[in-house]
């Protein structure tokens, strides 16, 4: 008798599971009918790129999301800042402002040290710059 009671309980649970599945499919058909009605009313007619093939991004999804959001990791922003600073120093050297160049070099080298600490791959690290290699260093940073 105890066995029949357990069997009946199990059948009742399976019946409830079936009802839950029907509820889920009912919700699904509700969503489908809403989408179909939206399409019939022309809701999808004015979408940008209608009739054109989808542009499928190649590579990493995270990279494409960051690119679409105009986000750059801090090390890339710092790299661009360092390149601009080196260009400014190269212009100062060409103009003959050696005293300003020496003080600017230390600041740029500090940024390069920080860049080397935060860059994700050691192969991307860069060397420090000096008065002698300002012009060649700029070419490496651009």
N, C-alpha and C. Protein backbone atom coordinates (compact mmCIF):
# COMPACT_ATOMS: atom_id res chain seq x y z
N UNK A 1 0.82 -1.19 0.00
CA UNK A 1 0.00 0.00 0.00
C UNK A 1 0.87 1.26 0.00
N UNK A 2 1.96 1.20 0.71
CA UNK A 2 2.89 2.32 0.76
C UNK A 2 3.50 2.56 -0.62
N UNK A 3 3.76 1.46 -1.36
CA UNK A 3 4.33 1.56 -2.69
C UNK A 3 3.37 2.30 -3.64
N UNK A 4 2.09 1.97 -3.57
CA UNK A 4 1.09 2.62 -4.43
C UNK A 4 0.98 4.11 -4.11
N UNK A 5 1.15 4.46 -2.84
CA UNK A 5 1.08 5.87 -2.43
C UNK A 5 2.24 6.66 -3.05
N UNK A 6 3.46 6.07 -3.02
CA UNK A 6 4.63 6.73 -3.62
C UNK A 6 4.46 6.87 -5.12
N UNK A 7 3.93 5.80 -5.76
CA UNK A 7 3.73 5.82 -7.20
C UNK A 7 2.73 6.91 -7.58
N UNK A 8 1.67 7.04 -6.82
CA UNK A 8 0.65 8.06 -7.10
C UNK A 8 1.24 9.46 -6.93
N UNK A 9 2.10 9.64 -5.91
CA UNK A 9 2.74 10.94 -5.69
C UNK A 9 3.66 11.30 -6.84
N UNK A 10 4.40 10.30 -7.34
CA UNK A 10 5.31 10.53 -8.45
C UNK A 10 4.53 10.92 -9.71
N UNK A 11 3.40 10.23 -9.95
CA UNK A 11 2.59 10.54 -11.12
C UNK A 11 2.02 11.96 -11.02
N UNK A 12 1.65 12.36 -9.81
CA UNK A 12 1.12 13.71 -9.61
C UNK A 12 2.19 14.75 -9.91
N UNK A 13 3.44 14.50 -9.46
CA UNK A 13 4.54 15.42 -9.74
C UNK A 13 4.80 15.52 -11.23
N UNK A 14 4.77 14.35 -11.92
CA UNK A 14 4.99 14.36 -13.36
C UNK A 14 3.89 15.13 -14.07
N UNK A 15 2.68 15.01 -13.58
CA UNK A 15 1.56 15.76 -14.14
C UNK A 15 1.75 17.25 -13.98
N UNK A 16 2.24 17.67 -12.80
CA UNK A 16 2.52 19.09 -12.56
C UNK A 16 3.63 19.58 -13.47
N UNK A 17 4.64 18.74 -13.71
CA UNK A 17 5.73 19.12 -14.59
C UNK A 17 5.21 19.34 -16.00
N UNK A 18 4.28 18.49 -16.43
CA UNK A 18 3.68 18.66 -17.75
C UNK A 18 2.91 19.96 -17.85
N UNK A 19 2.20 20.32 -16.80
CA UNK A 19 1.47 21.59 -16.79
C UNK A 19 2.44 22.76 -16.87
N UNK A 20 3.58 22.65 -16.15
CA UNK A 20 4.57 23.71 -16.20
C UNK A 20 5.11 23.87 -17.62
N UNK A 21 5.33 22.75 -18.31
CA UNK A 21 5.81 22.82 -19.68
C UNK A 21 4.78 23.51 -20.57
N UNK A 22 3.50 23.18 -20.37
CA UNK A 22 2.45 23.81 -21.16
C UNK A 22 2.41 25.31 -20.88
N UNK A 23 2.61 25.68 -19.61
CA UNK A 23 2.62 27.11 -19.27
C UNK A 23 3.76 27.82 -19.98
N UNK A 24 4.93 27.18 -20.01
CA UNK A 24 6.09 27.78 -20.66
C UNK A 24 5.83 27.92 -22.16
N UNK A 25 5.24 26.88 -22.77
CA UNK A 25 4.97 26.98 -24.20
C UNK A 25 3.88 28.01 -24.46
N UNK A 26 2.96 28.16 -23.53
CA UNK A 26 1.94 29.20 -23.66
C UNK A 26 2.55 30.58 -23.64
N UNK A 27 3.53 30.76 -22.79
CA UNK A 27 4.23 32.06 -22.74
C UNK A 27 5.00 32.28 -24.03
N UNK A 28 5.60 31.18 -24.52
CA UNK A 28 6.34 31.29 -25.77
C UNK A 28 5.43 31.67 -26.92
N UNK A 29 4.25 31.06 -26.98
CA UNK A 29 3.33 31.39 -28.07
C UNK A 29 2.79 32.81 -27.90
N UNK A 30 2.67 33.28 -26.67
CA UNK A 30 2.25 34.65 -26.42
C UNK A 30 3.29 35.63 -26.97
N UNK A 31 4.55 35.33 -26.73
CA UNK A 31 5.63 36.18 -27.24
C UNK A 31 5.65 36.12 -28.76
N UNK A 32 5.53 34.91 -29.31
CA UNK A 32 5.53 34.77 -30.76
C UNK A 32 4.38 35.55 -31.40
N UNK A 33 3.20 35.48 -30.79
CA UNK A 33 2.06 36.21 -31.35
C UNK A 33 2.28 37.72 -31.26
N UNK A 34 2.91 38.18 -30.18
CA UNK A 34 3.20 39.61 -30.04
C UNK A 34 4.19 40.05 -31.12
N UNK A 35 5.21 39.24 -31.37
CA UNK A 35 6.20 39.57 -32.40
C UNK A 35 5.55 39.55 -33.77
N UNK A 36 4.71 38.54 -34.03
CA UNK A 36 4.01 38.46 -35.32
C UNK A 36 3.12 39.68 -35.54
N UNK A 37 2.40 40.08 -34.50
CA UNK A 37 1.52 41.25 -34.61
C UNK A 37 2.34 42.52 -34.87
N UNK A 38 3.48 42.63 -34.19
CA UNK A 38 4.36 43.78 -34.38
C UNK A 38 4.85 43.82 -35.83
N UNK A 39 5.21 42.66 -36.37
CA UNK A 39 5.68 42.59 -37.76
C UNK A 39 4.56 42.94 -38.73
N UNK A 40 3.34 42.46 -38.47
CA UNK A 40 2.20 42.76 -39.36
C UNK A 40 1.89 44.25 -39.37
N UNK A 41 2.09 44.92 -38.24
CA UNK A 41 1.84 46.35 -38.14
C UNK A 41 2.99 47.19 -38.70
N UNK A 42 4.02 46.54 -39.24
CA UNK A 42 5.12 47.26 -39.86
C UNK A 42 6.19 47.70 -38.89
N UNK A 43 6.27 47.08 -37.75
CA UNK A 43 7.26 47.47 -36.74
C UNK A 43 8.70 47.22 -37.16
N UNK A 44 8.90 46.29 -38.09
CA UNK A 44 10.25 45.97 -38.53
C UNK A 44 10.60 46.62 -39.88
N UNK A 45 9.72 47.46 -40.41
CA UNK A 45 9.92 48.02 -41.74
C UNK A 45 10.98 49.11 -41.79
N UNK A 46 11.13 49.89 -40.74
CA UNK A 46 12.04 51.04 -40.76
C UNK A 46 13.35 50.79 -40.02
N UNK A 47 13.78 49.56 -39.95
CA UNK A 47 15.03 49.27 -39.25
C UNK A 47 16.22 49.66 -40.12
N UNK A 48 17.29 50.18 -39.49
CA UNK A 48 18.47 50.54 -40.28
C UNK A 48 19.11 49.27 -40.87
N UNK A 49 19.52 49.37 -42.11
CA UNK A 49 20.17 48.23 -42.75
C UNK A 49 19.21 47.21 -43.30
N UNK A 50 17.93 47.55 -43.40
CA UNK A 50 16.93 46.60 -43.91
C UNK A 50 17.28 46.21 -45.34
N UNK A 51 17.28 44.93 -45.61
CA UNK A 51 17.58 44.42 -46.94
C UNK A 51 19.05 44.26 -47.22
N UNK A 52 19.89 44.63 -46.27
CA UNK A 52 21.34 44.50 -46.44
C UNK A 52 21.82 43.32 -45.62
N UNK A 53 22.93 42.71 -46.03
CA UNK A 53 23.44 41.58 -45.24
C UNK A 53 23.94 42.05 -43.88
N UNK A 54 23.85 41.17 -42.91
CA UNK A 54 24.33 41.48 -41.57
C UNK A 54 25.84 41.58 -41.57
N UNK A 55 26.35 42.53 -40.82
CA UNK A 55 27.80 42.67 -40.67
C UNK A 55 28.21 41.80 -39.49
N UNK A 56 28.94 40.75 -39.77
CA UNK A 56 29.37 39.82 -38.73
C UNK A 56 30.81 40.15 -38.37
N UNK A 57 31.01 40.51 -37.11
CA UNK A 57 32.34 40.87 -36.63
C UNK A 57 33.22 39.63 -36.55
N UNK A 58 34.46 39.79 -36.91
CA UNK A 58 35.44 38.71 -36.80
C UNK A 58 36.20 38.88 -35.50
N UNK A 59 36.63 37.78 -34.93
CA UNK A 59 37.46 37.83 -33.74
C UNK A 59 36.67 37.76 -32.45
N UNK A 60 37.26 38.30 -31.43
CA UNK A 60 36.75 38.22 -30.07
C UNK A 60 35.50 39.09 -29.89
N UNK A 61 34.48 38.55 -29.25
CA UNK A 61 33.24 39.28 -29.01
C UNK A 61 33.50 40.46 -28.07
N UNK A 62 34.30 40.25 -27.04
CA UNK A 62 34.59 41.32 -26.09
C UNK A 62 35.25 42.50 -26.78
N UNK A 63 36.17 42.22 -27.69
CA UNK A 63 36.84 43.30 -28.40
C UNK A 63 35.86 44.10 -29.24
N UNK A 64 34.94 43.42 -29.92
CA UNK A 64 33.98 44.15 -30.74
C UNK A 64 33.01 44.96 -29.88
N UNK A 65 32.62 44.44 -28.72
CA UNK A 65 31.74 45.19 -27.82
C UNK A 65 32.47 46.44 -27.31
N UNK A 66 33.74 46.29 -26.94
CA UNK A 66 34.50 47.45 -26.46
C UNK A 66 34.67 48.48 -27.57
N UNK A 67 34.90 48.01 -28.79
CA UNK A 67 35.07 48.92 -29.92
C UNK A 67 33.77 49.69 -30.18
N UNK A 68 32.65 48.99 -30.13
CA UNK A 68 31.35 49.65 -30.35
C UNK A 68 31.03 50.65 -29.26
N UNK A 69 31.52 50.42 -28.05
CA UNK A 69 31.28 51.32 -26.93
C UNK A 69 32.34 52.42 -26.84
N UNK A 70 33.26 52.45 -27.79
CA UNK A 70 34.37 53.41 -27.80
C UNK A 70 35.18 53.35 -26.51
N UNK A 71 35.38 52.14 -26.00
CA UNK A 71 36.17 51.94 -24.79
C UNK A 71 37.53 51.40 -25.17
N UNK A 72 38.55 51.93 -24.54
CA UNK A 72 39.90 51.41 -24.73
C UNK A 72 40.48 51.09 -23.36
N UNK A 73 41.17 49.98 -23.25
CA UNK A 73 41.81 49.65 -21.97
C UNK A 73 42.80 50.75 -21.58
N UNK A 74 43.04 50.91 -20.29
CA UNK A 74 43.93 51.98 -19.82
C UNK A 74 45.33 51.93 -20.44
N UNK A 75 45.85 50.74 -20.70
CA UNK A 75 47.20 50.67 -21.25
C UNK A 75 47.25 51.19 -22.68
N UNK A 76 46.18 51.06 -23.44
CA UNK A 76 46.15 51.60 -24.80
C UNK A 76 46.05 53.13 -24.76
N UNK A 77 45.23 53.65 -23.86
CA UNK A 77 45.13 55.10 -23.70
C UNK A 77 46.47 55.68 -23.27
N UNK A 78 47.15 54.99 -22.35
CA UNK A 78 48.46 55.45 -21.88
C UNK A 78 49.48 55.41 -23.02
N UNK A 79 49.41 54.38 -23.86
CA UNK A 79 50.33 54.27 -25.00
C UNK A 79 50.16 55.47 -25.93
N UNK A 80 48.93 55.86 -26.19
CA UNK A 80 48.68 57.01 -27.06
C UNK A 80 49.18 58.31 -26.42
N UNK A 81 48.99 58.41 -25.11
CA UNK A 81 49.47 59.59 -24.38
C UNK A 81 50.99 59.68 -24.43
N UNK A 82 51.65 58.54 -24.25
CA UNK A 82 53.12 58.51 -24.30
C UNK A 82 53.61 58.89 -25.70
N UNK A 83 52.96 58.37 -26.74
CA UNK A 83 53.36 58.71 -28.11
C UNK A 83 53.24 60.21 -28.36
N UNK A 84 52.17 60.82 -27.86
CA UNK A 84 52.00 62.27 -28.03
C UNK A 84 53.08 63.03 -27.26
N UNK A 85 53.42 62.56 -26.05
CA UNK A 85 54.48 63.21 -25.27
C UNK A 85 55.83 63.09 -25.96
N UNK A 86 56.11 61.93 -26.53
CA UNK A 86 57.39 61.73 -27.22
C UNK A 86 57.46 62.63 -28.45
N UNK A 87 56.35 62.76 -29.16
CA UNK A 87 56.31 63.65 -30.33
C UNK A 87 56.60 65.09 -29.90
N UNK A 88 56.02 65.50 -28.77
CA UNK A 88 56.27 66.84 -28.24
C UNK A 88 57.75 67.01 -27.89
N UNK A 89 58.34 65.99 -27.27
CA UNK A 89 59.77 66.05 -26.92
C UNK A 89 60.65 66.10 -28.17
N UNK A 90 60.28 65.34 -29.20
CA UNK A 90 61.05 65.36 -30.44
C UNK A 90 60.99 66.75 -31.08
N UNK A 91 59.83 67.39 -31.01
CA UNK A 91 59.71 68.75 -31.53
C UNK A 91 60.55 69.73 -30.72
N UNK A 92 60.59 69.54 -29.39
CA UNK A 92 61.42 70.41 -28.54
C UNK A 92 62.90 70.23 -28.87
N UNK A 93 63.31 69.00 -29.12
CA UNK A 93 64.72 68.74 -29.45
C UNK A 93 65.08 69.41 -30.76
N UNK A 94 64.18 69.32 -31.72
CA UNK A 94 64.44 69.92 -33.01
C UNK A 94 64.50 71.45 -32.90
N UNK A 95 63.72 72.03 -31.97
CA UNK A 95 63.72 73.48 -31.77
C UNK A 95 64.90 73.94 -30.91
N UNK A 96 65.62 72.99 -30.29
CA UNK A 96 66.79 73.34 -29.49
C UNK A 96 66.50 73.62 -28.03
N UNK A 97 65.36 73.24 -27.52
CA UNK A 97 65.00 73.45 -26.11
C UNK A 97 65.47 72.25 -25.27
N UNK A 98 66.76 72.14 -25.07
CA UNK A 98 67.35 70.98 -24.40
C UNK A 98 66.96 70.93 -22.92
N UNK A 99 66.90 72.08 -22.25
CA UNK A 99 66.56 72.08 -20.82
C UNK A 99 65.15 71.55 -20.60
N UNK A 100 64.19 72.00 -21.40
CA UNK A 100 62.82 71.50 -21.30
C UNK A 100 62.75 70.02 -21.66
N UNK A 101 63.60 69.61 -22.57
CA UNK A 101 63.63 68.23 -23.02
C UNK A 101 64.02 67.29 -21.89
N UNK A 102 65.02 67.66 -21.10
CA UNK A 102 65.49 66.80 -20.01
C UNK A 102 64.41 66.59 -18.94
N UNK A 103 63.69 67.65 -18.59
CA UNK A 103 62.63 67.49 -17.59
C UNK A 103 61.46 66.69 -18.15
N UNK A 104 61.16 66.87 -19.42
CA UNK A 104 60.08 66.12 -20.05
C UNK A 104 60.39 64.64 -20.19
N UNK A 105 61.67 64.33 -20.40
CA UNK A 105 62.09 62.93 -20.55
C UNK A 105 61.79 62.12 -19.30
N UNK A 106 62.05 62.69 -18.15
CA UNK A 106 61.80 61.96 -16.90
C UNK A 106 60.32 61.65 -16.73
N UNK A 107 59.47 62.61 -17.06
CA UNK A 107 58.03 62.38 -16.96
C UNK A 107 57.55 61.29 -17.92
N UNK A 108 58.08 61.32 -19.14
CA UNK A 108 57.70 60.30 -20.12
C UNK A 108 58.21 58.93 -19.69
N UNK A 109 59.43 58.87 -19.16
CA UNK A 109 59.97 57.58 -18.71
C UNK A 109 59.17 57.02 -17.53
N UNK A 110 58.64 57.90 -16.68
CA UNK A 110 57.75 57.45 -15.60
C UNK A 110 56.50 56.79 -16.20
N UNK A 111 55.94 57.43 -17.22
CA UNK A 111 54.76 56.86 -17.87
C UNK A 111 55.09 55.52 -18.55
N UNK A 112 56.28 55.43 -19.14
CA UNK A 112 56.68 54.18 -19.79
C UNK A 112 56.81 53.07 -18.76
N UNK A 113 57.36 53.38 -17.59
CA UNK A 113 57.45 52.37 -16.52
C UNK A 113 56.06 51.89 -16.11
N UNK A 114 55.13 52.84 -15.98
CA UNK A 114 53.75 52.48 -15.63
C UNK A 114 53.14 51.63 -16.74
N UNK A 115 53.36 52.02 -17.99
CA UNK A 115 52.85 51.26 -19.13
C UNK A 115 53.37 49.83 -19.09
N UNK A 116 54.66 49.67 -18.82
CA UNK A 116 55.25 48.33 -18.78
C UNK A 116 54.68 47.48 -17.65
N UNK A 117 54.22 48.12 -16.58
CA UNK A 117 53.60 47.37 -15.47
C UNK A 117 52.18 46.92 -15.81
N UNK A 118 51.43 47.72 -16.57
CA UNK A 118 50.02 47.39 -16.79
C UNK A 118 49.73 46.70 -18.12
N UNK A 119 50.69 46.69 -19.03
CA UNK A 119 50.45 46.07 -20.33
C UNK A 119 50.20 44.56 -20.12
N UNK A 120 49.23 43.96 -20.86
CA UNK A 120 48.84 42.58 -20.59
C UNK A 120 49.86 41.52 -21.02
N UNK A 121 50.79 41.87 -21.89
CA UNK A 121 51.75 40.89 -22.39
C UNK A 121 53.15 41.49 -22.33
N UNK A 122 54.10 40.78 -21.75
CA UNK A 122 55.47 41.32 -21.66
C UNK A 122 56.08 41.66 -23.02
N UNK A 123 55.61 41.02 -24.08
CA UNK A 123 56.14 41.33 -25.41
C UNK A 123 55.77 42.74 -25.87
N UNK A 124 54.79 43.35 -25.23
CA UNK A 124 54.36 44.69 -25.60
C UNK A 124 55.09 45.78 -24.83
N UNK A 125 55.94 45.40 -23.89
CA UNK A 125 56.67 46.39 -23.10
C UNK A 125 57.66 47.15 -23.98
N UNK A 126 57.93 48.39 -23.61
CA UNK A 126 58.81 49.26 -24.39
C UNK A 126 59.97 49.73 -23.52
N UNK A 127 61.04 50.12 -24.18
CA UNK A 127 62.21 50.63 -23.48
C UNK A 127 62.08 52.11 -23.16
N UNK A 128 62.88 52.56 -22.21
CA UNK A 128 62.89 53.97 -21.83
C UNK A 128 63.54 54.78 -22.95
N UNK A 129 63.28 56.09 -22.94
CA UNK A 129 63.84 56.95 -23.98
C UNK A 129 64.90 57.87 -23.39
N UNK A 130 65.75 58.36 -24.28
CA UNK A 130 66.79 59.31 -23.89
C UNK A 130 66.82 60.42 -24.94
N UNK A 131 67.66 61.41 -24.69
CA UNK A 131 67.76 62.52 -25.64
C UNK A 131 68.20 62.02 -27.01
N UNK A 132 69.08 61.03 -27.01
CA UNK A 132 69.63 60.52 -28.26
C UNK A 132 68.61 59.76 -29.10
N UNK A 133 67.68 59.08 -28.45
CA UNK A 133 66.77 58.22 -29.22
C UNK A 133 65.32 58.72 -29.27
N UNK A 134 65.11 60.00 -29.04
CA UNK A 134 63.74 60.53 -29.02
C UNK A 134 63.05 60.32 -30.37
N UNK A 135 63.74 60.63 -31.46
CA UNK A 135 63.11 60.51 -32.78
C UNK A 135 62.81 59.06 -33.14
N UNK A 136 63.74 58.16 -32.88
CA UNK A 136 63.49 56.74 -33.19
C UNK A 136 62.46 56.14 -32.24
N UNK A 137 62.42 56.62 -30.99
CA UNK A 137 61.43 56.12 -30.03
C UNK A 137 60.02 56.48 -30.47
N UNK A 138 59.85 57.66 -31.03
CA UNK A 138 58.52 58.07 -31.49
C UNK A 138 58.01 57.11 -32.57
N UNK A 139 58.88 56.73 -33.47
CA UNK A 139 58.48 55.80 -34.54
C UNK A 139 58.04 54.45 -33.97
N UNK A 140 58.64 54.03 -32.86
CA UNK A 140 58.27 52.75 -32.25
C UNK A 140 56.94 52.83 -31.50
N UNK A 141 56.59 54.02 -31.02
CA UNK A 141 55.37 54.18 -30.22
C UNK A 141 54.14 54.47 -31.08
N UNK A 142 54.33 54.88 -32.31
CA UNK A 142 53.18 55.22 -33.16
C UNK A 142 52.62 53.98 -33.80
